[in-house]
């Protein structure tokens, strides 16, 4: 899995685009006073 990156949880368009590109939401939380949705992409390999 790739390193998670945050986007604001109200940015539903960004979350939808990320999902279309193969990312999935891995966590939600607050960072610096902002509500975040964290997205990661699976590499598709099994080690």
N, C-alpha and C. Protein backbone atom coordinates (compact mmCIF):
# COMPACT_ATOMS: atom_id res chain seq x y z
N UNK A 1 0.84 -1.18 0.00
CA UNK A 1 0.00 0.00 0.00
C UNK A 1 0.89 1.24 0.00
N UNK A 2 0.43 2.27 -0.69
CA UNK A 2 1.21 3.50 -0.75
C UNK A 2 1.04 4.32 0.52
N UNK A 3 1.87 5.34 0.66
CA UNK A 3 1.76 6.25 1.79
C UNK A 3 0.45 7.01 1.69
N UNK A 4 -0.36 7.03 2.76
CA UNK A 4 -1.64 7.74 2.69
C UNK A 4 -1.46 9.25 2.54
N UNK A 5 -2.32 9.86 1.77
CA UNK A 5 -2.33 11.31 1.64
C UNK A 5 -3.70 11.82 2.04
N UNK A 6 -3.76 13.03 2.64
CA UNK A 6 -5.04 13.54 3.10
C UNK A 6 -5.74 14.43 2.07
N UNK A 7 -7.04 14.44 2.15
CA UNK A 7 -7.87 15.41 1.45
C UNK A 7 -8.97 15.78 2.43
N UNK A 8 -9.55 16.96 2.29
CA UNK A 8 -10.61 17.37 3.21
C UNK A 8 -11.82 16.47 3.00
N UNK A 9 -12.43 16.01 4.08
CA UNK A 9 -13.51 15.04 3.96
C UNK A 9 -14.76 15.59 3.26
N UNK A 10 -14.92 16.91 3.18
CA UNK A 10 -16.06 17.48 2.47
C UNK A 10 -15.81 17.61 0.96
N UNK A 11 -14.59 17.34 0.52
CA UNK A 11 -14.26 17.41 -0.91
C UNK A 11 -14.63 16.08 -1.57
N UNK A 12 -15.93 15.84 -1.66
CA UNK A 12 -16.42 14.55 -2.16
C UNK A 12 -15.99 14.29 -3.60
N UNK A 13 -15.82 15.34 -4.40
CA UNK A 13 -15.37 15.16 -5.77
C UNK A 13 -13.95 14.59 -5.80
N UNK A 14 -13.08 15.11 -4.93
CA UNK A 14 -11.71 14.60 -4.86
C UNK A 14 -11.70 13.13 -4.44
N UNK A 15 -12.51 12.80 -3.45
CA UNK A 15 -12.58 11.41 -2.97
C UNK A 15 -13.08 10.50 -4.08
N UNK A 16 -14.08 10.95 -4.84
CA UNK A 16 -14.61 10.15 -5.95
C UNK A 16 -13.56 9.95 -7.05
N UNK A 17 -12.80 11.00 -7.38
CA UNK A 17 -11.75 10.88 -8.39
C UNK A 17 -10.67 9.91 -7.92
N UNK A 18 -10.29 10.01 -6.66
CA UNK A 18 -9.27 9.10 -6.12
C UNK A 18 -9.76 7.66 -6.19
N UNK A 19 -11.02 7.42 -5.84
CA UNK A 19 -11.59 6.07 -5.91
C UNK A 19 -11.56 5.56 -7.35
N UNK A 20 -11.90 6.41 -8.30
CA UNK A 20 -11.87 6.04 -9.71
C UNK A 20 -10.46 5.66 -10.15
N UNK A 21 -9.45 6.34 -9.60
CA UNK A 21 -8.06 6.09 -9.96
C UNK A 21 -7.44 4.92 -9.19
N UNK A 22 -8.24 4.25 -8.37
CA UNK A 22 -7.75 3.06 -7.67
C UNK A 22 -7.34 3.28 -6.23
N UNK A 23 -7.54 4.47 -5.70
CA UNK A 23 -7.24 4.74 -4.30
C UNK A 23 -8.43 4.35 -3.45
N UNK A 24 -8.19 4.09 -2.19
CA UNK A 24 -9.29 3.82 -1.28
C UNK A 24 -9.07 4.59 0.02
N UNK A 25 -10.16 4.90 0.67
CA UNK A 25 -10.09 5.63 1.93
C UNK A 25 -9.62 4.67 3.02
N UNK A 26 -8.57 5.07 3.73
CA UNK A 26 -8.01 4.20 4.76
C UNK A 26 -8.26 4.71 6.17
N UNK A 27 -8.59 6.00 6.32
CA UNK A 27 -8.78 6.55 7.65
C UNK A 27 -9.44 7.92 7.54
N UNK A 28 -10.00 8.38 8.65
CA UNK A 28 -10.50 9.75 8.78
C UNK A 28 -10.02 10.29 10.11
N UNK A 29 -9.75 11.58 10.17
CA UNK A 29 -9.29 12.19 11.41
C UNK A 29 -9.16 13.69 11.26
N UNK A 30 -8.71 14.33 12.33
CA UNK A 30 -8.50 15.78 12.33
C UNK A 30 -7.01 16.06 12.34
N UNK A 31 -6.59 16.96 11.44
CA UNK A 31 -5.18 17.36 11.34
C UNK A 31 -5.15 18.88 11.23
N UNK A 32 -4.48 19.53 12.15
CA UNK A 32 -4.36 20.99 12.17
C UNK A 32 -5.73 21.68 12.12
N UNK A 33 -6.71 21.06 12.77
CA UNK A 33 -8.04 21.64 12.83
C UNK A 33 -8.93 21.35 11.64
N UNK A 34 -8.45 20.57 10.68
CA UNK A 34 -9.22 20.23 9.48
C UNK A 34 -9.60 18.76 9.50
N UNK A 35 -10.83 18.46 9.12
CA UNK A 35 -11.28 17.08 9.01
C UNK A 35 -10.70 16.49 7.73
N UNK A 36 -10.03 15.36 7.84
CA UNK A 36 -9.32 14.75 6.71
C UNK A 36 -9.84 13.35 6.42
N UNK A 37 -9.80 13.00 5.15
CA UNK A 37 -10.00 11.63 4.69
C UNK A 37 -8.66 11.22 4.09
N UNK A 38 -8.08 10.13 4.55
CA UNK A 38 -6.78 9.68 4.07
C UNK A 38 -6.98 8.60 3.02
N UNK A 39 -6.28 8.77 1.90
CA UNK A 39 -6.41 7.87 0.76
C UNK A 39 -5.08 7.16 0.51
N UNK A 40 -5.16 5.87 0.14
CA UNK A 40 -3.98 5.08 -0.21
C UNK A 40 -4.30 4.24 -1.43
N UNK A 41 -3.27 3.86 -2.14
CA UNK A 41 -3.44 3.01 -3.31
C UNK A 41 -2.75 1.68 -3.07
N UNK A 42 -3.43 0.60 -3.34
CA UNK A 42 -2.83 -0.72 -3.21
C UNK A 42 -1.92 -0.96 -4.42
N UNK A 43 -0.77 -1.55 -4.16
CA UNK A 43 0.19 -1.77 -5.22
C UNK A 43 -0.18 -2.93 -6.14
N UNK A 44 -1.03 -3.83 -5.67
CA UNK A 44 -1.44 -4.96 -6.50
C UNK A 44 -0.48 -6.12 -6.44
N UNK A 45 0.58 -6.01 -5.64
CA UNK A 45 1.53 -7.11 -5.49
C UNK A 45 1.36 -7.74 -4.14
N UNK A 46 1.60 -9.03 -4.07
CA UNK A 46 1.56 -9.71 -2.78
C UNK A 46 2.95 -10.22 -2.47
N UNK A 47 3.52 -9.74 -1.41
CA UNK A 47 4.89 -10.13 -1.01
C UNK A 47 4.85 -11.14 0.11
